[in-house]
Amino acid sequence: METYLGEKGLNATWQENFPKSIKCHKCKENCRIMFVALENKEKEYICRIHKNTGNGKTGKYWPHDAIACAVYLCEKCFEPNALINQA
């Protein structure tokens, strides 16, 4: 897994670039990017930890492929927040 500190990782993604900041899911204030982790050449992938058994009626969803994960930290309440996408 490759990791990128701060804004250097905003384009280390499988889909659209990650934003520099997001709203905190807890207090709705600003969260700043800490790092991005990108799976792209692993022997083991996060998608293999659990089965994706979500079917629209149950919520047992899990990534089906390699992921990119952006981790943010709230400026106000210090709550970690994250966004992911998959290949």
N, C-alpha and C. Protein backbone atom coordinates (compact mmCIF):
# COMPACT_ATOMS: atom_id res chain seq x y z
N MET A 1 0.84 -1.16 0.00
CA MET A 1 0.00 0.00 0.00
C MET A 1 0.90 1.23 0.00
N GLU A 2 0.61 2.12 -0.90
CA GLU A 2 1.35 3.38 -0.96
C GLU A 2 0.61 4.42 -0.13
N THR A 3 1.36 5.24 0.62
CA THR A 3 0.74 6.31 1.39
C THR A 3 1.34 7.64 0.98
N TYR A 4 0.49 8.66 1.00
CA TYR A 4 0.88 10.01 0.60
C TYR A 4 0.40 10.98 1.67
N LEU A 5 1.30 11.78 2.18
CA LEU A 5 0.93 12.74 3.22
C LEU A 5 0.29 13.98 2.64
N GLY A 6 -0.73 14.48 3.32
CA GLY A 6 -1.36 15.74 2.95
C GLY A 6 -1.88 15.76 1.52
N GLU A 7 -1.82 16.92 0.92
CA GLU A 7 -2.38 17.15 -0.41
C GLU A 7 -1.66 16.39 -1.52
N LYS A 8 -0.47 15.85 -1.24
CA LYS A 8 0.27 15.09 -2.26
C LYS A 8 -0.52 13.86 -2.73
N GLY A 9 -1.44 13.38 -1.90
CA GLY A 9 -2.17 12.17 -2.25
C GLY A 9 -3.54 12.37 -2.84
N LEU A 10 -3.95 13.60 -3.04
CA LEU A 10 -5.32 13.85 -3.49
C LEU A 10 -5.63 13.23 -4.85
N ASN A 11 -4.61 12.98 -5.64
CA ASN A 11 -4.85 12.34 -6.94
C ASN A 11 -4.46 10.86 -6.95
N ALA A 12 -4.11 10.32 -5.78
CA ALA A 12 -3.81 8.89 -5.66
C ALA A 12 -5.13 8.16 -5.41
N THR A 13 -5.86 7.95 -6.48
CA THR A 13 -7.23 7.47 -6.37
C THR A 13 -7.60 6.63 -7.58
N TRP A 14 -8.62 5.82 -7.44
CA TRP A 14 -9.11 5.01 -8.55
C TRP A 14 -10.22 5.73 -9.32
N GLN A 15 -10.73 6.82 -8.77
CA GLN A 15 -11.81 7.55 -9.42
C GLN A 15 -11.47 9.03 -9.43
N GLU A 16 -12.41 9.89 -9.07
CA GLU A 16 -12.13 11.34 -9.04
C GLU A 16 -11.14 11.65 -7.94
N ASN A 17 -10.41 12.77 -8.09
CA ASN A 17 -9.48 13.20 -7.05
C ASN A 17 -10.24 13.44 -5.75
N PHE A 18 -9.55 13.19 -4.64
CA PHE A 18 -10.13 13.48 -3.34
C PHE A 18 -10.10 14.98 -3.08
N PRO A 19 -11.07 15.53 -2.33
CA PRO A 19 -11.05 16.95 -1.99
C PRO A 19 -10.02 17.26 -0.91
N LYS A 20 -9.57 18.52 -0.84
CA LYS A 20 -8.62 18.95 0.19
C LYS A 20 -9.23 18.87 1.59
N SER A 21 -10.52 19.11 1.66
CA SER A 21 -11.19 19.09 2.96
C SER A 21 -12.63 18.60 2.76
N ILE A 22 -13.20 18.11 3.85
CA ILE A 22 -14.60 17.67 3.85
C ILE A 22 -15.25 18.15 5.14
N LYS A 23 -16.58 18.04 5.22
CA LYS A 23 -17.29 18.37 6.45
C LYS A 23 -17.25 17.17 7.38
N CYS A 24 -17.05 17.44 8.65
CA CYS A 24 -17.01 16.39 9.67
C CYS A 24 -18.37 15.72 9.79
N HIS A 25 -18.39 14.40 9.84
CA HIS A 25 -19.65 13.67 9.99
C HIS A 25 -20.22 13.83 11.40
N LYS A 26 -19.39 14.25 12.36
CA LYS A 26 -19.84 14.38 13.75
C LYS A 26 -20.34 15.79 14.06
N CYS A 27 -19.51 16.81 13.77
CA CYS A 27 -19.86 18.18 14.18
C CYS A 27 -20.11 19.12 13.00
N LYS A 28 -19.92 18.63 11.78
CA LYS A 28 -20.17 19.39 10.54
C LYS A 28 -19.16 20.51 10.28
N GLU A 29 -18.07 20.56 11.03
CA GLU A 29 -17.02 21.56 10.80
C GLU A 29 -16.01 21.02 9.78
N ASN A 30 -14.96 21.76 9.53
CA ASN A 30 -13.99 21.43 8.49
C ASN A 30 -12.99 20.36 8.93
N CYS A 31 -12.79 19.38 8.03
CA CYS A 31 -11.77 18.35 8.22
C CYS A 31 -10.70 18.54 7.15
N ARG A 32 -9.45 18.50 7.57
CA ARG A 32 -8.33 18.65 6.64
C ARG A 32 -7.71 17.29 6.34
N ILE A 33 -7.19 17.16 5.13
CA ILE A 33 -6.58 15.90 4.71
C ILE A 33 -5.35 15.58 5.56
N MET A 34 -5.24 14.32 5.99
CA MET A 34 -4.04 13.85 6.69
C MET A 34 -3.19 13.03 5.73
N PHE A 35 -3.80 11.98 5.15
CA PHE A 35 -3.05 11.13 4.21
C PHE A 35 -4.02 10.36 3.32
N VAL A 36 -3.46 9.81 2.26
CA VAL A 36 -4.19 8.92 1.36
C VAL A 36 -3.41 7.61 1.27
N ALA A 37 -4.12 6.50 1.35
CA ALA A 37 -3.52 5.18 1.17
C ALA A 37 -4.11 4.57 -0.10
N LEU A 38 -3.26 4.02 -0.94
CA LEU A 38 -3.69 3.47 -2.23
C LEU A 38 -3.19 2.04 -2.37
N GLU A 39 -4.12 1.11 -2.57
CA GLU A 39 -3.75 -0.27 -2.88
C GLU A 39 -3.60 -0.37 -4.39
N ASN A 40 -2.47 -0.88 -4.84
CA ASN A 40 -2.33 -1.07 -6.28
C ASN A 40 -1.41 -2.22 -6.68
N LYS A 41 -0.59 -2.69 -5.76
CA LYS A 41 0.32 -3.79 -6.10
C LYS A 41 0.44 -4.77 -4.92
N GLU A 42 -0.63 -4.92 -4.18
CA GLU A 42 -0.59 -5.73 -2.97
C GLU A 42 -0.67 -7.22 -3.29
N LYS A 43 -0.18 -8.02 -2.36
CA LYS A 43 -0.41 -9.46 -2.42
C LYS A 43 -1.75 -9.77 -1.76
N GLU A 44 -2.10 -8.99 -0.76
CA GLU A 44 -3.38 -9.12 -0.07
C GLU A 44 -4.09 -7.78 -0.13
N TYR A 45 -5.38 -7.81 -0.40
CA TYR A 45 -6.17 -6.59 -0.52
C TYR A 45 -7.24 -6.53 0.56
N ILE A 46 -7.62 -5.33 0.93
CA ILE A 46 -8.68 -5.13 1.92
C ILE A 46 -9.97 -5.82 1.47
N CYS A 47 -10.22 -5.87 0.18
CA CYS A 47 -11.46 -6.50 -0.31
C CYS A 47 -11.54 -7.98 0.05
N ARG A 48 -10.42 -8.59 0.42
CA ARG A 48 -10.42 -10.02 0.74
C ARG A 48 -10.60 -10.29 2.24
N ILE A 49 -10.70 -9.25 3.06
CA ILE A 49 -10.85 -9.44 4.50
C ILE A 49 -12.24 -9.97 4.85
N HIS A 50 -13.27 -9.41 4.20
CA HIS A 50 -14.66 -9.82 4.43
C HIS A 50 -15.34 -10.01 3.09
N LYS A 51 -16.41 -10.77 3.09
CA LYS A 51 -17.20 -10.96 1.87
C LYS A 51 -18.17 -9.79 1.70
N ASN A 52 -18.41 -9.41 0.47
CA ASN A 52 -19.41 -8.41 0.15
C ASN A 52 -20.72 -9.16 -0.05
N THR A 53 -21.59 -9.10 0.96
CA THR A 53 -22.86 -9.81 0.88
C THR A 53 -24.05 -8.86 0.83
N GLY A 54 -23.78 -7.58 0.62
CA GLY A 54 -24.87 -6.62 0.50
C GLY A 54 -25.67 -6.89 -0.76
N ASN A 55 -26.99 -6.79 -0.65
CA ASN A 55 -27.83 -7.11 -1.80
C ASN A 55 -28.95 -6.08 -2.00
N GLY A 56 -28.83 -4.92 -1.43
CA GLY A 56 -29.88 -3.92 -1.55
C GLY A 56 -30.86 -3.97 -0.40
N LYS A 57 -30.94 -5.10 0.28
CA LYS A 57 -31.83 -5.24 1.44
C LYS A 57 -31.06 -5.31 2.74
N THR A 58 -29.85 -5.85 2.68
CA THR A 58 -28.99 -5.89 3.87
C THR A 58 -27.80 -4.97 3.65
N GLY A 59 -27.23 -4.49 4.71
CA GLY A 59 -26.13 -3.56 4.61
C GLY A 59 -24.77 -4.15 4.85
N LYS A 60 -24.56 -5.39 4.45
CA LYS A 60 -23.26 -6.02 4.65
C LYS A 60 -22.37 -5.83 3.43
N TYR A 61 -22.14 -4.56 3.08
CA TYR A 61 -21.33 -4.23 1.92
C TYR A 61 -19.86 -4.17 2.29
N TRP A 62 -19.02 -4.48 1.34
CA TRP A 62 -17.57 -4.43 1.51
C TRP A 62 -16.98 -4.15 0.14
N PRO A 63 -15.83 -3.49 0.05
CA PRO A 63 -15.23 -3.22 -1.27
C PRO A 63 -15.05 -4.51 -2.07
N HIS A 64 -15.21 -4.40 -3.38
CA HIS A 64 -15.06 -5.56 -4.26
C HIS A 64 -13.71 -5.58 -4.98
N ASP A 65 -12.91 -4.51 -4.79
CA ASP A 65 -11.65 -4.40 -5.53
C ASP A 65 -10.68 -3.54 -4.70
N ALA A 66 -9.51 -3.27 -5.26
CA ALA A 66 -8.50 -2.44 -4.60
C ALA A 66 -9.11 -1.08 -4.26
N ILE A 67 -8.72 -0.52 -3.12
CA ILE A 67 -9.28 0.77 -2.69
C ILE A 67 -8.24 1.86 -2.61
N ALA A 68 -8.74 3.08 -2.60
CA ALA A 68 -7.98 4.27 -2.21
C ALA A 68 -8.76 4.85 -1.03
N CYS A 69 -8.06 5.26 0.01
CA CYS A 69 -8.70 5.76 1.22
C CYS A 69 -8.04 7.08 1.63
N ALA A 70 -8.85 8.14 1.69
CA ALA A 70 -8.37 9.44 2.15
C ALA A 70 -8.84 9.63 3.59
N VAL A 71 -7.92 9.94 4.48
CA VAL A 71 -8.24 10.12 5.89
C VAL A 71 -8.07 11.59 6.26
N TYR A 72 -9.09 12.13 6.89
CA TYR A 72 -9.16 13.54 7.27
C TYR A 72 -9.29 13.66 8.78
N LEU A 73 -8.95 14.83 9.32
CA LEU A 73 -9.09 15.09 10.76
C LEU A 73 -9.80 16.42 10.95
N CYS A 74 -10.81 16.40 11.81
CA CYS A 74 -11.60 17.61 12.06
C CYS A 74 -10.79 18.64 12.85
N GLU A 75 -10.85 19.88 12.40
CA GLU A 75 -10.16 20.98 13.07
C GLU A 75 -10.78 21.30 14.42
N LYS A 76 -12.07 21.03 14.57
CA LYS A 76 -12.78 21.42 15.79
C LYS A 76 -12.87 20.30 16.83
N CYS A 77 -13.40 19.14 16.44
CA CYS A 77 -13.63 18.08 17.43
C CYS A 77 -12.58 16.97 17.38
N PHE A 78 -11.66 17.04 16.42
CA PHE A 78 -10.55 16.08 16.29
C PHE A 78 -11.02 14.69 15.89
N GLU A 79 -12.22 14.58 15.33
CA GLU A 79 -12.77 13.31 14.89
C GLU A 79 -12.16 12.92 13.54
N PRO A 80 -11.68 11.68 13.38
CA PRO A 80 -11.20 11.25 12.08
C PRO A 80 -12.39 10.97 11.15
N ASN A 81 -12.23 11.27 9.88
CA ASN A 81 -13.23 11.03 8.84
C ASN A 81 -12.49 10.43 7.66
N ALA A 82 -13.19 9.67 6.82
CA ALA A 82 -12.53 9.04 5.69
C ALA A 82 -13.47 8.95 4.49
N LEU A 83 -12.86 8.96 3.31
CA LEU A 83 -13.54 8.68 2.05
C LEU A 83 -12.79 7.55 1.38
N ILE A 84 -13.52 6.64 0.73
CA ILE A 84 -12.86 5.59 -0.04
C ILE A 84 -13.48 5.53 -1.43
N ASN A 85 -12.72 4.95 -2.35
CA ASN A 85 -13.26 4.55 -3.63
C ASN A 85 -12.51 3.28 -4.04
N GLN A 86 -12.98 2.65 -5.09
CA GLN A 86 -12.38 1.38 -5.48
C GLN A 86 -12.16 1.30 -6.97
N ALA A 87 -11.24 0.43 -7.34
CA ALA A 87 -10.88 0.28 -8.75
C ALA A 87 -12.04 -0.26 -9.55
